[in-house]
Amino acid sequence: MQDFFNNLLQPAVLVFLIPLAGIGLGGLSMWFKHQERIEKIRQGIDPDARSRD
């Protein structure tokens, strides 16, 4: 198990893992925003309406 983590910390591996982690977090963020939009629609709220401040 120790060898596995040592291999992950090698620069040749990190050069691929860091962008993949960023893409994964971006996708997760988009999914949460989509879920919030769907929930607003289910509650009868127009998700595209601008709020009046």
N, C-alpha and C. Protein backbone atom coordinates (compact mmCIF):
# COMPACT_ATOMS: atom_id res chain seq x y z
N MET A 1 0.82 -1.19 0.00
CA MET A 1 0.00 0.00 0.00
C MET A 1 0.87 1.26 0.00
N GLN A 2 1.95 1.21 0.73
CA GLN A 2 2.88 2.35 0.78
C GLN A 2 3.44 2.65 -0.61
N ASP A 3 3.77 1.60 -1.38
CA ASP A 3 4.29 1.79 -2.73
C ASP A 3 3.26 2.47 -3.64
N PHE A 4 2.00 2.13 -3.44
CA PHE A 4 0.93 2.72 -4.24
C PHE A 4 0.90 4.23 -4.07
N PHE A 5 0.93 4.69 -2.81
CA PHE A 5 0.89 6.13 -2.55
C PHE A 5 2.18 6.82 -2.98
N ASN A 6 3.29 6.15 -2.84
CA ASN A 6 4.55 6.73 -3.32
C ASN A 6 4.52 6.91 -4.83
N ASN A 7 3.92 5.95 -5.54
CA ASN A 7 3.81 6.05 -6.99
C ASN A 7 2.87 7.18 -7.40
N LEU A 8 1.81 7.43 -6.62
CA LEU A 8 0.87 8.51 -6.93
C LEU A 8 1.52 9.88 -6.80
N LEU A 9 2.51 10.00 -5.95
CA LEU A 9 3.15 11.29 -5.71
C LEU A 9 4.28 11.59 -6.69
N GLN A 10 4.51 10.72 -7.62
CA GLN A 10 5.54 10.96 -8.64
C GLN A 10 5.05 12.04 -9.60
N PRO A 11 5.94 12.94 -10.01
CA PRO A 11 5.53 14.03 -10.92
C PRO A 11 4.90 13.54 -12.22
N ALA A 12 5.35 12.41 -12.73
CA ALA A 12 4.80 11.89 -13.98
C ALA A 12 3.34 11.46 -13.81
N VAL A 13 2.95 11.07 -12.60
CA VAL A 13 1.57 10.68 -12.34
C VAL A 13 0.74 11.90 -11.98
N LEU A 14 1.30 12.80 -11.19
CA LEU A 14 0.57 13.99 -10.75
C LEU A 14 0.17 14.88 -11.92
N VAL A 15 0.98 14.88 -12.97
CA VAL A 15 0.68 15.72 -14.13
C VAL A 15 -0.65 15.30 -14.77
N PHE A 16 -1.08 14.07 -14.55
CA PHE A 16 -2.37 13.60 -15.05
C PHE A 16 -3.46 13.66 -13.99
N LEU A 17 -3.11 13.39 -12.75
CA LEU A 17 -4.11 13.34 -11.69
C LEU A 17 -4.68 14.70 -11.33
N ILE A 18 -3.87 15.72 -11.31
CA ILE A 18 -4.34 17.05 -10.91
C ILE A 18 -5.40 17.58 -11.89
N PRO A 19 -5.19 17.54 -13.20
CA PRO A 19 -6.26 17.99 -14.11
C PRO A 19 -7.51 17.13 -14.02
N LEU A 20 -7.34 15.82 -13.84
CA LEU A 20 -8.51 14.95 -13.72
C LEU A 20 -9.33 15.29 -12.48
N ALA A 21 -8.66 15.61 -11.40
CA ALA A 21 -9.37 16.01 -10.18
C ALA A 21 -10.13 17.32 -10.42
N GLY A 22 -9.52 18.24 -11.13
CA GLY A 22 -10.20 19.50 -11.44
C GLY A 22 -11.42 19.31 -12.30
N ILE A 23 -11.31 18.44 -13.29
CA ILE A 23 -12.45 18.14 -14.16
C ILE A 23 -13.56 17.48 -13.35
N GLY A 24 -13.19 16.57 -12.47
CA GLY A 24 -14.18 15.89 -11.63
C GLY A 24 -14.90 16.85 -10.72
N LEU A 25 -14.18 17.78 -10.11
CA LEU A 25 -14.81 18.76 -9.22
C LEU A 25 -15.70 19.72 -10.01
N GLY A 26 -15.27 20.08 -11.20
CA GLY A 26 -16.11 20.94 -12.05
C GLY A 26 -17.40 20.25 -12.45
N GLY A 27 -17.30 19.00 -12.79
CA GLY A 27 -18.49 18.22 -13.14
C GLY A 27 -19.43 18.06 -11.96
N LEU A 28 -18.87 17.85 -10.79
CA LEU A 28 -19.68 17.71 -9.58
C LEU A 28 -20.40 19.02 -9.28
N SER A 29 -19.72 20.13 -9.45
CA SER A 29 -20.33 21.44 -9.23
C SER A 29 -21.49 21.66 -10.21
N MET A 30 -21.29 21.31 -11.46
CA MET A 30 -22.36 21.45 -12.45
C MET A 30 -23.55 20.58 -12.10
N TRP A 31 -23.29 19.37 -11.62
CA TRP A 31 -24.37 18.46 -11.25
C TRP A 31 -25.19 19.03 -10.10
N PHE A 32 -24.53 19.61 -9.08
CA PHE A 32 -25.25 20.20 -7.96
C PHE A 32 -26.10 21.39 -8.41
N LYS A 33 -25.58 22.22 -9.30
CA LYS A 33 -26.36 23.34 -9.82
C LYS A 33 -27.57 22.86 -10.59
N HIS A 34 -27.40 21.78 -11.33
CA HIS A 34 -28.51 21.20 -12.08
C HIS A 34 -29.57 20.67 -11.12
N GLN A 35 -29.14 19.99 -10.06
CA GLN A 35 -30.09 19.45 -9.08
C GLN A 35 -30.85 20.58 -8.40
N GLU A 36 -30.18 21.68 -8.10
CA GLU A 36 -30.85 22.83 -7.49
C GLU A 36 -31.90 23.40 -8.45
N ARG A 37 -31.55 23.48 -9.72
CA ARG A 37 -32.49 23.98 -10.73
C ARG A 37 -33.71 23.07 -10.84
N ILE A 38 -33.50 21.77 -10.87
CA ILE A 38 -34.60 20.81 -10.97
C ILE A 38 -35.51 20.93 -9.75
N GLU A 39 -34.92 21.10 -8.57
CA GLU A 39 -35.72 21.22 -7.34
C GLU A 39 -36.57 22.49 -7.36
N LYS A 40 -36.02 23.59 -7.88
CA LYS A 40 -36.81 24.82 -8.01
C LYS A 40 -38.00 24.60 -8.93
N ILE A 41 -37.77 23.90 -10.04
CA ILE A 41 -38.85 23.62 -10.98
C ILE A 41 -39.92 22.77 -10.31
N ARG A 42 -39.51 21.76 -9.53
CA ARG A 42 -40.47 20.90 -8.82
C ARG A 42 -41.31 21.70 -7.83
N GLN A 43 -40.74 22.73 -7.24
CA GLN A 43 -41.46 23.55 -6.26
C GLN A 43 -42.27 24.65 -6.92
N GLY A 44 -42.24 24.72 -8.24
CA GLY A 44 -43.02 25.72 -8.96
C GLY A 44 -42.34 27.07 -9.05
N ILE A 45 -41.06 27.13 -8.83
CA ILE A 45 -40.30 28.38 -8.92
C ILE A 45 -39.62 28.43 -10.28
N ASP A 46 -39.72 29.59 -10.92
CA ASP A 46 -39.05 29.77 -12.22
C ASP A 46 -37.56 29.98 -11.96
N PRO A 47 -36.69 29.04 -12.33
CA PRO A 47 -35.27 29.19 -12.05
C PRO A 47 -34.58 30.28 -12.85
N ASP A 48 -35.24 30.74 -13.92
CA ASP A 48 -34.66 31.78 -14.76
C ASP A 48 -35.11 33.18 -14.36
N ALA A 49 -36.06 33.28 -13.43
CA ALA A 49 -36.56 34.58 -13.01
C ALA A 49 -35.50 35.31 -12.20
N ARG A 50 -35.36 36.59 -12.44
CA ARG A 50 -34.41 37.41 -11.69
C ARG A 50 -35.08 37.84 -10.40
N SER A 51 -34.34 37.79 -9.30
CA SER A 51 -34.90 38.23 -8.02
C SER A 51 -34.87 39.75 -7.96
N ARG A 52 -35.88 40.32 -7.32
CA ARG A 52 -35.96 41.79 -7.17
C ARG A 52 -35.38 42.16 -5.82
N ASP A 53 -34.33 42.95 -5.86
CA ASP A 53 -33.68 43.38 -4.59
C ASP A 53 -34.07 44.79 -4.24
